[in-house]
Amino acid sequence: MHDDDSEITPARVVTEGVRWLPAVIWGLTIVIGLGAIVTVVLWRLGVWFQNQAPNLQYNRTVNSQGYQATLLKRMADTYGDVTDTAITRQETPAGSPEQITLRASQLNSLRQFCEAAAQLSPVSQHLPAAMTKQVAANCDGGTVAADPAAARPIPPAPSQ
């Protein structure tokens, strides 16, 4: 080096600076790379948490007592529609177009009934015994069974 180490000249600054350039470049590359990795990880974590929030809110709502009570009421109402339609079908001629329309309406009400039954959480704890029998006779995993008992017209009352 120079005899006078205290003297700062442009040539000395360049010489000393160039010597540290590879270390500075590697250091900046590592810092930028780690920063990018941390940014991507935090961003993905944020997206994941953002996607979880609606699911948690949905689960709290669906499993609430109020929601379950609403499902039971909807099931009772739609099953009442099914039985009312069965009575009307019993009074309607078997081959008439009205009979076909009434059966379609009955199956639609049964579909709503079975979908609501599938949403109960858990089904066995919330359903009254009579409704449990109706679900077993008419539903298959949240859909209407192949031959639902409630979609048949109520037979005429025996003559006395």
N, C-alpha and C. Protein backbone atom coordinates (compact mmCIF):
# COMPACT_ATOMS: atom_id res chain seq x y z
N MET A 1 0.83 -1.18 0.00
CA MET A 1 0.00 0.00 0.00
C MET A 1 0.87 1.24 0.00
N HIS A 2 0.24 2.31 0.33
CA HIS A 2 0.93 3.60 0.33
C HIS A 2 1.62 3.84 1.66
N ASP A 3 2.63 4.73 1.60
CA ASP A 3 3.34 5.07 2.84
C ASP A 3 2.43 5.85 3.77
N ASP A 4 1.60 6.69 3.19
CA ASP A 4 0.73 7.54 4.00
C ASP A 4 -0.68 6.96 3.93
N ASP A 5 -1.04 6.15 4.91
CA ASP A 5 -2.33 5.50 4.91
C ASP A 5 -3.47 6.47 5.21
N SER A 6 -3.21 7.62 5.70
CA SER A 6 -4.25 8.57 6.04
C SER A 6 -4.73 9.36 4.84
N GLU A 7 -4.00 9.33 3.77
CA GLU A 7 -4.38 10.11 2.59
C GLU A 7 -5.43 9.35 1.77
N ILE A 8 -6.54 10.01 1.48
CA ILE A 8 -7.62 9.40 0.70
C ILE A 8 -7.58 10.02 -0.68
N THR A 9 -7.31 9.18 -1.64
CA THR A 9 -7.26 9.64 -3.03
C THR A 9 -8.31 8.88 -3.83
N PRO A 10 -8.74 9.44 -4.97
CA PRO A 10 -9.73 8.73 -5.78
C PRO A 10 -9.25 7.33 -6.18
N ALA A 11 -8.01 7.16 -6.50
CA ALA A 11 -7.49 5.86 -6.90
C ALA A 11 -7.58 4.87 -5.75
N ARG A 12 -7.30 5.35 -4.55
CA ARG A 12 -7.36 4.47 -3.38
C ARG A 12 -8.80 4.06 -3.08
N VAL A 13 -9.76 4.98 -3.22
CA VAL A 13 -11.18 4.68 -2.98
C VAL A 13 -11.65 3.60 -3.96
N VAL A 14 -11.28 3.75 -5.23
CA VAL A 14 -11.68 2.77 -6.24
C VAL A 14 -11.05 1.42 -5.93
N THR A 15 -9.79 1.40 -5.60
CA THR A 15 -9.09 0.15 -5.32
C THR A 15 -9.71 -0.56 -4.11
N GLU A 16 -9.94 0.19 -3.05
CA GLU A 16 -10.52 -0.41 -1.85
C GLU A 16 -11.98 -0.81 -2.09
N GLY A 17 -12.72 0.00 -2.83
CA GLY A 17 -14.13 -0.29 -3.10
C GLY A 17 -14.33 -1.51 -3.97
N VAL A 18 -13.51 -1.64 -4.99
CA VAL A 18 -13.62 -2.77 -5.90
C VAL A 18 -13.35 -4.07 -5.16
N ARG A 19 -12.47 -4.01 -4.21
CA ARG A 19 -12.14 -5.20 -3.45
C ARG A 19 -13.37 -5.75 -2.71
N TRP A 20 -14.29 -4.88 -2.27
CA TRP A 20 -15.49 -5.29 -1.53
C TRP A 20 -16.70 -5.53 -2.43
N LEU A 21 -16.61 -5.23 -3.70
CA LEU A 21 -17.74 -5.33 -4.62
C LEU A 21 -18.35 -6.74 -4.69
N PRO A 22 -17.58 -7.81 -4.86
CA PRO A 22 -18.19 -9.14 -4.90
C PRO A 22 -18.95 -9.48 -3.61
N ALA A 23 -18.41 -9.12 -2.47
CA ALA A 23 -19.09 -9.40 -1.20
C ALA A 23 -20.39 -8.62 -1.10
N VAL A 24 -20.38 -7.37 -1.54
CA VAL A 24 -21.60 -6.55 -1.50
C VAL A 24 -22.65 -7.14 -2.45
N ILE A 25 -22.23 -7.53 -3.64
CA ILE A 25 -23.18 -8.11 -4.61
C ILE A 25 -23.79 -9.40 -4.06
N TRP A 26 -22.96 -10.29 -3.51
CA TRP A 26 -23.48 -11.53 -2.93
C TRP A 26 -24.42 -11.23 -1.76
N GLY A 27 -24.06 -10.31 -0.94
CA GLY A 27 -24.90 -9.94 0.20
C GLY A 27 -26.26 -9.42 -0.24
N LEU A 28 -26.25 -8.51 -1.22
CA LEU A 28 -27.52 -7.97 -1.73
C LEU A 28 -28.35 -9.07 -2.39
N THR A 29 -27.71 -9.96 -3.12
CA THR A 29 -28.43 -11.06 -3.78
C THR A 29 -29.10 -11.96 -2.74
N ILE A 30 -28.39 -12.27 -1.68
CA ILE A 30 -28.97 -13.12 -0.63
C ILE A 30 -30.12 -12.40 0.07
N VAL A 31 -29.94 -11.14 0.40
CA VAL A 31 -31.00 -10.37 1.07
C VAL A 31 -32.24 -10.26 0.18
N ILE A 32 -32.05 -9.96 -1.10
CA ILE A 32 -33.19 -9.84 -2.02
C ILE A 32 -33.87 -11.19 -2.21
N GLY A 33 -33.09 -12.24 -2.34
CA GLY A 33 -33.66 -13.59 -2.50
C GLY A 33 -34.47 -14.01 -1.29
N LEU A 34 -33.91 -13.81 -0.10
CA LEU A 34 -34.64 -14.15 1.13
C LEU A 34 -35.89 -13.29 1.27
N GLY A 35 -35.78 -12.02 0.92
CA GLY A 35 -36.95 -11.13 0.97
C GLY A 35 -38.05 -11.60 0.04
N ALA A 36 -37.67 -12.05 -1.15
CA ALA A 36 -38.67 -12.55 -2.12
C ALA A 36 -39.33 -13.81 -1.58
N ILE A 37 -38.54 -14.71 -1.01
CA ILE A 37 -39.10 -15.95 -0.46
C ILE A 37 -40.06 -15.65 0.68
N VAL A 38 -39.66 -14.80 1.59
CA VAL A 38 -40.52 -14.43 2.72
C VAL A 38 -41.80 -13.76 2.22
N THR A 39 -41.68 -12.89 1.22
CA THR A 39 -42.86 -12.21 0.66
C THR A 39 -43.83 -13.22 0.07
N VAL A 40 -43.33 -14.16 -0.71
CA VAL A 40 -44.21 -15.16 -1.34
C VAL A 40 -44.86 -16.04 -0.27
N VAL A 41 -44.09 -16.46 0.72
CA VAL A 41 -44.64 -17.31 1.78
C VAL A 41 -45.73 -16.55 2.55
N LEU A 42 -45.48 -15.32 2.92
CA LEU A 42 -46.48 -14.53 3.64
C LEU A 42 -47.71 -14.26 2.79
N TRP A 43 -47.50 -14.02 1.50
CA TRP A 43 -48.63 -13.78 0.60
C TRP A 43 -49.50 -15.03 0.51
N ARG A 44 -48.88 -16.21 0.34
CA ARG A 44 -49.64 -17.46 0.25
C ARG A 44 -50.37 -17.74 1.57
N LEU A 45 -49.72 -17.44 2.68
CA LEU A 45 -50.34 -17.63 3.97
C LEU A 45 -51.56 -16.71 4.11
N GLY A 46 -51.41 -15.48 3.66
CA GLY A 46 -52.53 -14.54 3.70
C GLY A 46 -53.69 -15.01 2.84
N VAL A 47 -53.40 -15.54 1.66
CA VAL A 47 -54.45 -16.06 0.79
C VAL A 47 -55.13 -17.24 1.46
N TRP A 48 -54.36 -18.11 2.09
CA TRP A 48 -54.92 -19.28 2.76
C TRP A 48 -55.85 -18.84 3.89
N PHE A 49 -55.39 -17.89 4.74
CA PHE A 49 -56.23 -17.42 5.84
C PHE A 49 -57.48 -16.71 5.33
N GLN A 50 -57.34 -16.00 4.24
CA GLN A 50 -58.49 -15.30 3.66
C GLN A 50 -59.52 -16.32 3.17
N ASN A 51 -59.06 -17.43 2.63
CA ASN A 51 -59.98 -18.47 2.17
C ASN A 51 -60.60 -19.22 3.33
N GLN A 52 -59.93 -19.29 4.47
CA GLN A 52 -60.46 -20.01 5.62
C GLN A 52 -61.55 -19.24 6.34
N ALA A 53 -61.48 -17.93 6.32
CA ALA A 53 -62.44 -17.11 7.07
C ALA A 53 -63.89 -17.38 6.67
N PRO A 54 -64.23 -17.40 5.37
CA PRO A 54 -65.63 -17.71 5.03
C PRO A 54 -66.03 -19.12 5.43
N ASN A 55 -65.12 -20.07 5.35
CA ASN A 55 -65.43 -21.45 5.74
C ASN A 55 -65.74 -21.53 7.23
N LEU A 56 -64.95 -20.82 8.04
CA LEU A 56 -65.21 -20.82 9.47
C LEU A 56 -66.54 -20.17 9.78
N GLN A 57 -66.84 -19.05 9.13
CA GLN A 57 -68.11 -18.36 9.34
C GLN A 57 -69.27 -19.26 8.90
N TYR A 58 -69.11 -19.95 7.76
CA TYR A 58 -70.15 -20.85 7.26
C TYR A 58 -70.38 -21.97 8.27
N ASN A 59 -69.31 -22.57 8.78
CA ASN A 59 -69.46 -23.67 9.74
C ASN A 59 -70.13 -23.21 11.01
N ARG A 60 -69.78 -22.01 11.49
CA ARG A 60 -70.43 -21.49 12.70
C ARG A 60 -71.92 -21.27 12.45
N THR A 61 -72.26 -20.79 11.27
CA THR A 61 -73.67 -20.53 10.94
C THR A 61 -74.43 -21.83 10.78
N VAL A 62 -73.90 -22.75 9.97
CA VAL A 62 -74.61 -24.00 9.68
C VAL A 62 -74.80 -24.83 10.93
N ASN A 63 -73.86 -24.81 11.84
CA ASN A 63 -73.97 -25.62 13.05
C ASN A 63 -74.69 -24.91 14.19
N SER A 64 -75.15 -23.68 13.94
CA SER A 64 -75.85 -22.96 15.00
C SER A 64 -77.24 -23.55 15.23
N GLN A 65 -77.75 -23.38 16.44
CA GLN A 65 -79.07 -23.90 16.77
C GLN A 65 -80.16 -23.24 15.94
N GLY A 66 -80.00 -21.94 15.69
CA GLY A 66 -81.01 -21.23 14.90
C GLY A 66 -81.11 -21.78 13.48
N TYR A 67 -79.96 -22.04 12.88
CA TYR A 67 -79.95 -22.58 11.51
C TYR A 67 -80.56 -23.98 11.51
N GLN A 68 -80.20 -24.79 12.49
CA GLN A 68 -80.74 -26.15 12.56
C GLN A 68 -82.26 -26.12 12.77
N ALA A 69 -82.73 -25.20 13.61
CA ALA A 69 -84.18 -25.08 13.83
C ALA A 69 -84.89 -24.66 12.55
N THR A 70 -84.26 -23.77 11.78
CA THR A 70 -84.83 -23.35 10.50
C THR A 70 -84.93 -24.53 9.54
N LEU A 71 -83.90 -25.37 9.52
CA LEU A 71 -83.93 -26.57 8.66
C LEU A 71 -85.07 -27.50 9.07
N LEU A 72 -85.23 -27.71 10.37
CA LEU A 72 -86.32 -28.57 10.84
C LEU A 72 -87.68 -28.02 10.44
N LYS A 73 -87.85 -26.71 10.55
CA LYS A 73 -89.12 -26.09 10.15
C LYS A 73 -89.34 -26.24 8.66
N ARG A 74 -88.26 -26.02 7.87
CA ARG A 74 -88.38 -26.17 6.43
C ARG A 74 -88.75 -27.62 6.09
N MET A 75 -88.14 -28.57 6.78
CA MET A 75 -88.46 -29.98 6.53
C MET A 75 -89.92 -30.28 6.86
N ALA A 76 -90.39 -29.78 7.99
CA ALA A 76 -91.79 -30.02 8.38
C ALA A 76 -92.74 -29.40 7.35
N ASP A 77 -92.42 -28.18 6.91
CA ASP A 77 -93.28 -27.51 5.92
C ASP A 77 -93.30 -28.25 4.59
N THR A 78 -92.12 -28.63 4.10
CA THR A 78 -92.08 -29.30 2.80
C THR A 78 -92.69 -30.69 2.88
N TYR A 79 -92.53 -31.38 4.02
CA TYR A 79 -93.17 -32.69 4.14
C TYR A 79 -94.68 -32.53 4.24
N GLY A 80 -95.13 -31.45 4.85
CA GLY A 80 -96.57 -31.16 4.85
C GLY A 80 -97.09 -30.95 3.44
N ASP A 81 -96.30 -30.27 2.60
CA ASP A 81 -96.68 -30.10 1.19
C ASP A 81 -96.77 -31.46 0.49
N VAL A 82 -95.84 -32.35 0.80
CA VAL A 82 -95.83 -33.68 0.18
C VAL A 82 -97.09 -34.43 0.54
N THR A 83 -97.46 -34.43 1.82
CA THR A 83 -98.66 -35.18 2.23
C THR A 83 -99.94 -34.52 1.72
N ASP A 84 -99.99 -33.20 1.68
CA ASP A 84 -101.16 -32.52 1.11
C ASP A 84 -101.33 -32.88 -0.37
N THR A 85 -100.21 -32.92 -1.10
CA THR A 85 -100.27 -33.28 -2.51
C THR A 85 -100.68 -34.73 -2.68
N ALA A 86 -100.28 -35.60 -1.76
CA ALA A 86 -100.68 -37.01 -1.83
C ALA A 86 -102.19 -37.15 -1.69
N ILE A 87 -102.78 -36.33 -0.82
CA ILE A 87 -104.23 -36.37 -0.65
C ILE A 87 -104.91 -35.90 -1.94
N THR A 88 -104.39 -34.82 -2.54
CA THR A 88 -104.95 -34.32 -3.80
C THR A 88 -104.78 -35.35 -4.90
N ARG A 89 -103.66 -36.02 -4.93
CA ARG A 89 -103.43 -37.05 -5.96
C ARG A 89 -104.42 -38.20 -5.80
N GLN A 90 -104.75 -38.53 -4.57
CA GLN A 90 -105.70 -39.62 -4.32
C GLN A 90 -107.07 -39.30 -4.91
N GLU A 91 -107.41 -38.00 -4.97
CA GLU A 91 -108.71 -37.56 -5.49
C GLU A 91 -108.67 -37.27 -6.98
N THR A 92 -107.49 -37.39 -7.61
CA THR A 92 -107.32 -37.07 -9.03
C THR A 92 -107.25 -38.36 -9.83
N PRO A 93 -107.91 -38.42 -11.01
CA PRO A 93 -107.85 -39.63 -11.82
C PRO A 93 -106.41 -40.05 -12.12
N ALA A 94 -106.14 -41.34 -12.08
CA ALA A 94 -104.79 -41.88 -12.19
C ALA A 94 -104.08 -41.52 -13.49
N GLY A 95 -104.74 -41.52 -14.61
CA GLY A 95 -104.07 -41.27 -15.88
C GLY A 95 -104.10 -39.83 -16.33
N SER A 96 -104.59 -38.93 -15.52
CA SER A 96 -104.77 -37.54 -15.94
C SER A 96 -103.44 -36.77 -15.94
N PRO A 97 -103.36 -35.69 -16.77
CA PRO A 97 -102.17 -34.84 -16.75
C PRO A 97 -101.95 -34.17 -15.38
N GLU A 98 -103.04 -33.93 -14.65
CA GLU A 98 -102.91 -33.33 -13.32
C GLU A 98 -102.14 -34.26 -12.39
N GLN A 99 -102.36 -35.56 -12.55
CA GLN A 99 -101.67 -36.55 -11.72
C GLN A 99 -100.15 -36.46 -11.92
N ILE A 100 -99.72 -36.28 -13.18
CA ILE A 100 -98.29 -36.16 -13.50
C ILE A 100 -97.72 -34.88 -12.89
N THR A 101 -98.46 -33.79 -13.03
CA THR A 101 -98.02 -32.50 -12.48
C THR A 101 -97.94 -32.56 -10.96
N LEU A 102 -98.94 -33.15 -10.34
CA LEU A 102 -98.94 -33.27 -8.88
C LEU A 102 -97.77 -34.13 -8.38
N ARG A 103 -97.47 -35.22 -9.10
CA ARG A 103 -96.34 -36.07 -8.70
C ARG A 103 -95.02 -35.31 -8.84
N ALA A 104 -94.88 -34.53 -9.90
CA ALA A 104 -93.66 -33.73 -10.08
C ALA A 104 -93.52 -32.72 -8.94
N SER A 105 -94.61 -32.11 -8.55
CA SER A 105 -94.58 -31.16 -7.43
C SER A 105 -94.21 -31.88 -6.14
N GLN A 106 -94.76 -33.06 -5.97
CA GLN A 106 -94.47 -33.86 -4.78
C GLN A 106 -92.99 -34.24 -4.72
N LEU A 107 -92.43 -34.65 -5.85
CA LEU A 107 -91.01 -35.02 -5.89
C LEU A 107 -90.11 -33.80 -5.65
N ASN A 108 -90.52 -32.64 -6.13
CA ASN A 108 -89.75 -31.42 -5.88
C ASN A 108 -89.75 -31.09 -4.39
N SER A 109 -90.90 -31.20 -3.74
CA SER A 109 -90.96 -30.96 -2.29
C SER A 109 -90.13 -31.98 -1.54
N LEU A 110 -90.16 -33.22 -2.00
CA LEU A 110 -89.34 -34.26 -1.36
C LEU A 110 -87.85 -33.97 -1.54
N ARG A 111 -87.46 -33.45 -2.71
CA ARG A 111 -86.07 -33.09 -2.95
C ARG A 111 -85.63 -32.04 -1.92
N GLN A 112 -86.46 -31.02 -1.71
CA GLN A 112 -86.14 -29.98 -0.73
C GLN A 112 -86.06 -30.57 0.68
N PHE A 113 -86.97 -31.48 0.99
CA PHE A 113 -87.00 -32.15 2.29
C PHE A 113 -85.70 -32.93 2.52
N CYS A 114 -85.29 -33.71 1.52
CA CYS A 114 -84.08 -34.54 1.65
C CYS A 114 -82.81 -33.69 1.71
N GLU A 115 -82.76 -32.60 0.95
CA GLU A 115 -81.59 -31.71 1.00
C GLU A 115 -81.46 -31.08 2.38
N ALA A 116 -82.58 -30.66 2.96
CA ALA A 116 -82.54 -30.07 4.30
C ALA A 116 -82.13 -31.12 5.33
N ALA A 117 -82.62 -32.35 5.18
CA ALA A 117 -82.25 -33.42 6.12
C ALA A 117 -80.75 -33.69 6.07
N ALA A 118 -80.16 -33.62 4.88
CA ALA A 118 -78.73 -33.87 4.74
C ALA A 118 -77.89 -32.76 5.38
N GLN A 119 -78.45 -31.57 5.53
CA GLN A 119 -77.70 -30.45 6.10
C GLN A 119 -77.75 -30.43 7.63
N LEU A 120 -78.64 -31.23 8.22
CA LEU A 120 -78.70 -31.25 9.68
C LEU A 120 -77.40 -31.82 10.23
N SER A 121 -76.98 -31.32 11.37
CA SER A 121 -75.66 -31.68 11.89
C SER A 121 -75.76 -32.11 13.34
N PRO A 122 -75.49 -33.30 13.68
CA PRO A 122 -75.68 -34.54 12.93
C PRO A 122 -77.16 -34.89 12.90
N VAL A 123 -77.58 -35.58 11.89
CA VAL A 123 -79.00 -35.82 11.63
C VAL A 123 -79.68 -36.50 12.81
N SER A 124 -79.08 -37.53 13.35
CA SER A 124 -79.74 -38.33 14.39
C SER A 124 -80.04 -37.55 15.66
N GLN A 125 -79.29 -36.48 15.95
CA GLN A 125 -79.52 -35.73 17.18
C GLN A 125 -80.63 -34.70 17.05
N HIS A 126 -80.94 -34.27 15.85
CA HIS A 126 -81.89 -33.16 15.69
C HIS A 126 -83.27 -33.59 15.20
N LEU A 127 -83.39 -34.72 14.58
CA LEU A 127 -84.66 -35.12 14.00
C LEU A 127 -85.56 -35.80 15.02
N PRO A 128 -86.83 -35.39 15.07
CA PRO A 128 -87.78 -36.15 15.88
C PRO A 128 -87.93 -37.56 15.28
N ALA A 129 -88.37 -38.51 16.07
CA ALA A 129 -88.45 -39.91 15.63
C ALA A 129 -89.31 -40.07 14.37
N ALA A 130 -90.46 -39.38 14.31
CA ALA A 130 -91.34 -39.52 13.14
C ALA A 130 -90.64 -39.00 11.88
N MET A 131 -89.90 -37.91 12.02
CA MET A 131 -89.22 -37.35 10.86
C MET A 131 -88.04 -38.23 10.44
N THR A 132 -87.41 -38.88 11.41
CA THR A 132 -86.32 -39.81 11.09
C THR A 132 -86.84 -40.93 10.21
N LYS A 133 -88.04 -41.42 10.52
CA LYS A 133 -88.66 -42.48 9.70
C LYS A 133 -88.95 -41.97 8.29
N GLN A 134 -89.41 -40.72 8.18
CA GLN A 134 -89.72 -40.15 6.86
C GLN A 134 -88.46 -40.00 6.02
N VAL A 135 -87.37 -39.57 6.67
CA VAL A 135 -86.10 -39.43 5.96
C VAL A 135 -85.65 -40.80 5.47
N ALA A 136 -85.75 -41.82 6.33
CA ALA A 136 -85.31 -43.17 5.96
C ALA A 136 -86.15 -43.73 4.81
N ALA A 137 -87.44 -43.42 4.79
CA ALA A 137 -88.34 -43.98 3.77
C ALA A 137 -88.27 -43.23 2.45
N ASN A 138 -87.78 -41.99 2.45
CA ASN A 138 -87.88 -41.17 1.24
C ASN A 138 -86.55 -40.61 0.73
N CYS A 139 -85.52 -40.64 1.55
CA CYS A 139 -84.26 -39.99 1.16
C CYS A 139 -83.13 -41.00 1.10
N ASP A 140 -82.17 -40.67 0.26
CA ASP A 140 -80.97 -41.50 0.14
C ASP A 140 -79.77 -40.58 0.01
N GLY A 141 -79.13 -40.29 1.14
CA GLY A 141 -77.93 -39.44 1.13
C GLY A 141 -78.17 -38.02 0.65
N GLY A 142 -79.27 -37.42 1.03
CA GLY A 142 -79.54 -36.03 0.65
C GLY A 142 -80.32 -35.88 -0.64
N THR A 143 -80.60 -36.98 -1.31
CA THR A 143 -81.42 -36.94 -2.53
C THR A 143 -82.65 -37.81 -2.32
N VAL A 144 -83.62 -37.67 -3.21
CA VAL A 144 -84.84 -38.46 -3.11
C VAL A 144 -84.52 -39.91 -3.47
N ALA A 145 -85.05 -40.84 -2.69
CA ALA A 145 -84.85 -42.27 -2.93
C ALA A 145 -85.48 -42.67 -4.26
N ALA A 146 -85.07 -43.82 -4.76
CA ALA A 146 -85.57 -44.30 -6.06
C ALA A 146 -87.09 -44.46 -6.05
N ASP A 147 -87.65 -44.99 -4.97
CA ASP A 147 -89.10 -45.16 -4.88
C ASP A 147 -89.55 -44.60 -3.53
N PRO A 148 -89.67 -43.27 -3.43
CA PRO A 148 -90.02 -42.68 -2.14
C PRO A 148 -91.46 -43.01 -1.73
N ALA A 149 -91.62 -43.43 -0.50
CA ALA A 149 -92.94 -43.81 -0.01
C ALA A 149 -93.91 -42.63 -0.02
N ALA A 150 -93.45 -41.45 0.26
CA ALA A 150 -94.34 -40.29 0.35
C ALA A 150 -94.82 -39.80 -1.00
N ALA A 151 -94.21 -40.24 -2.09
CA ALA A 151 -94.63 -39.78 -3.41
C ALA A 151 -95.74 -40.64 -3.99
N ARG A 152 -96.23 -41.58 -3.22
CA ARG A 152 -97.38 -42.37 -3.66
C ARG A 152 -98.64 -41.68 -3.14
N PRO A 153 -99.72 -41.73 -3.92
CA PRO A 153 -100.94 -41.10 -3.40
C PRO A 153 -101.46 -41.89 -2.19
N ILE A 154 -102.10 -41.16 -1.29
CA ILE A 154 -102.69 -41.81 -0.13
C ILE A 154 -103.86 -42.65 -0.62
N PRO A 155 -103.92 -43.93 -0.24
CA PRO A 155 -105.02 -44.75 -0.73
C PRO A 155 -106.36 -44.25 -0.16
N PRO A 156 -107.41 -44.49 -0.92
CA PRO A 156 -108.74 -44.05 -0.42
C PRO A 156 -109.07 -44.73 0.89
N ALA A 157 -109.81 -44.03 1.71
CA ALA A 157 -110.23 -44.58 2.99
C ALA A 157 -111.21 -45.71 2.74
N PRO A 158 -111.13 -46.78 3.53
CA PRO A 158 -112.08 -47.89 3.34
C PRO A 158 -113.50 -47.43 3.65
N SER A 159 -114.42 -47.98 2.88
CA SER A 159 -115.85 -47.64 3.09
C SER A 159 -116.33 -48.31 4.35
N GLN A 160 -117.20 -47.62 5.04
CA GLN A 160 -117.71 -48.20 6.30
C GLN A 160 -119.07 -48.78 6.11
